[in-house]
Amino acid sequence: MHLIEELERTRDETLQCFSLNRADLARSYAPGKWSVAYILHHLSDSETVFFDRIRRVLSEPRPVL
């Protein structure tokens, strides 16, 4: 159960970041590094791809992991 709670906590923290203003979304932790907006975009894209992969594996009669 602890894992589910941790996933929910980090989800809630991450969702708050999508409400940041433009200046905060443009910030990065060092020059030339990804901005907050870029990181959020990457996380969203990665989760979408991951969900699709899981769905495909689960729909196969004999899934190969």
C-alpha atoms as a PDB file:
ATOM      1  CA  MET A   1       0.000   0.000   0.000  1.00  0.00           C
ATOM      2  CA  HIS A   2       2.913   2.344   0.649  1.00  0.00           C
ATOM      3  CA  LEU A   3       3.836   2.305  -3.057  1.00  0.00           C
ATOM      4  CA  ILE A   4       0.353   3.437  -4.099  1.00  0.00           C
ATOM      5  CA  GLU A   5       0.438   6.251  -1.553  1.00  0.00           C
ATOM      6  CA  GLU A   6       3.854   7.374  -2.792  1.00  0.00           C
ATOM      7  CA  LEU A   7       2.689   7.343  -6.426  1.00  0.00           C
ATOM      8  CA  GLU A   8      -0.375   9.398  -5.493  1.00  0.00           C
ATOM      9  CA  ARG A   9       1.752  11.891  -3.536  1.00  0.00           C
ATOM     10  CA  THR A  10       4.236  12.429  -6.363  1.00  0.00           C
ATOM     11  CA  ARG A  11       1.374  12.676  -8.892  1.00  0.00           C
ATOM     12  CA  ASP A  12      -0.256  15.410  -6.822  1.00  0.00           C
ATOM     13  CA  GLU A  13       3.037  17.300  -6.467  1.00  0.00           C
ATOM     14  CA  THR A  14       3.728  17.066 -10.183  1.00  0.00           C
ATOM     15  CA  LEU A  15       0.227  18.200 -11.172  1.00  0.00           C
ATOM     16  CA  GLN A  16       0.728  21.389  -9.163  1.00  0.00           C
ATOM     17  CA  CYS A  17       3.680  22.285 -11.398  1.00  0.00           C
ATOM     18  CA  PHE A  18       1.411  22.500 -14.457  1.00  0.00           C
ATOM     19  CA  SER A  19      -0.191  25.605 -12.845  1.00  0.00           C
ATOM     20  CA  LEU A  20       3.047  27.562 -12.597  1.00  0.00           C
ATOM     21  CA  ASN A  21       3.310  30.927 -14.327  1.00  0.00           C
ATOM     22  CA  ARG A  22       5.349  31.396 -17.505  1.00  0.00           C
ATOM     23  CA  ALA A  23       8.416  32.697 -15.692  1.00  0.00           C
ATOM     24  CA  ASP A  24       8.562  29.685 -13.385  1.00  0.00           C
ATOM     25  CA  LEU A  25       7.924  27.252 -16.258  1.00  0.00           C
ATOM     26  CA  ALA A  26      10.855  28.810 -18.134  1.00  0.00           C
ATOM     27  CA  ARG A  27      13.279  28.327 -15.227  1.00  0.00           C
ATOM     28  CA  SER A  28      16.004  25.702 -15.311  1.00  0.00           C
ATOM     29  CA  TYR A  29      18.393  24.551 -12.625  1.00  0.00           C
ATOM     30  CA  ALA A  30      21.459  25.616 -14.630  1.00  0.00           C
ATOM     31  CA  PRO A  31      22.224  27.389 -17.914  1.00  0.00           C
ATOM     32  CA  GLY A  32      21.598  25.128 -20.894  1.00  0.00           C
ATOM     33  CA  LYS A  33      19.577  22.600 -18.865  1.00  0.00           C
ATOM     34  CA  TRP A  34      15.937  21.643 -19.390  1.00  0.00           C
ATOM     35  CA  SER A  35      13.314  24.123 -18.252  1.00  0.00           C
ATOM     36  CA  VAL A  36      10.493  23.145 -15.920  1.00  0.00           C
ATOM     37  CA  ALA A  37       8.098  23.206 -18.894  1.00  0.00           C
ATOM     38  CA  TYR A  38      10.361  20.908 -20.900  1.00  0.00           C
ATOM     39  CA  ILE A  39      10.601  18.448 -18.002  1.00  0.00           C
ATOM     40  CA  LEU A  40       6.803  18.437 -17.572  1.00  0.00           C
ATOM     41  CA  HIS A  41       6.374  17.852 -21.302  1.00  0.00           C
ATOM     42  CA  HIS A  42       8.882  14.995 -21.171  1.00  0.00           C
ATOM     43  CA  LEU A  43       7.117  13.391 -18.187  1.00  0.00           C
ATOM     44  CA  SER A  44       3.734  13.612 -19.924  1.00  0.00           C
ATOM     45  CA  ASP A  45       5.103  12.156 -23.136  1.00  0.00           C
ATOM     46  CA  SER A  46       6.963   9.366 -21.325  1.00  0.00           C
ATOM     47  CA  GLU A  47       3.872   8.333 -19.376  1.00  0.00           C
ATOM     48  CA  THR A  48       1.797   8.265 -22.556  1.00  0.00           C
ATOM     49  CA  VAL A  49       4.311   6.018 -24.315  1.00  0.00           C
ATOM     50  CA  PHE A  50       4.690   3.813 -21.238  1.00  0.00           C
ATOM     51  CA  PHE A  51       0.898   3.407 -20.922  1.00  0.00           C
ATOM     52  CA  ASP A  52       0.669   2.416 -24.600  1.00  0.00           C
ATOM     53  CA  ARG A  53       3.426  -0.164 -24.193  1.00  0.00           C
ATOM     54  CA  ILE A  54       1.800  -1.694 -21.122  1.00  0.00           C
ATOM     55  CA  ARG A  55      -1.574  -1.819 -22.890  1.00  0.00           C
ATOM     56  CA  ARG A  56      -0.032  -3.600 -25.877  1.00  0.00           C
ATOM     57  CA  VAL A  57       1.772  -6.147 -23.715  1.00  0.00           C
ATOM     58  CA  LEU A  58      -1.347  -6.906 -21.691  1.00  0.00           C
ATOM     59  CA  SER A  59      -3.445  -7.368 -24.825  1.00  0.00           C
ATOM     60  CA  GLU A  60      -1.150 -10.031 -26.274  1.00  0.00           C
ATOM     61  CA  PRO A  61      -2.149 -13.674 -25.728  1.00  0.00           C
ATOM     62  CA  ARG A  62       1.364 -14.564 -24.560  1.00  0.00           C
ATOM     63  CA  PRO A  63       3.045 -11.315 -23.502  1.00  0.00           C
ATOM     64  CA  VAL A  64       6.812 -11.173 -23.639  1.00  0.00           C
ATOM     65  CA  LEU A  65       8.439  -8.915 -21.097  1.00  0.00           C
END
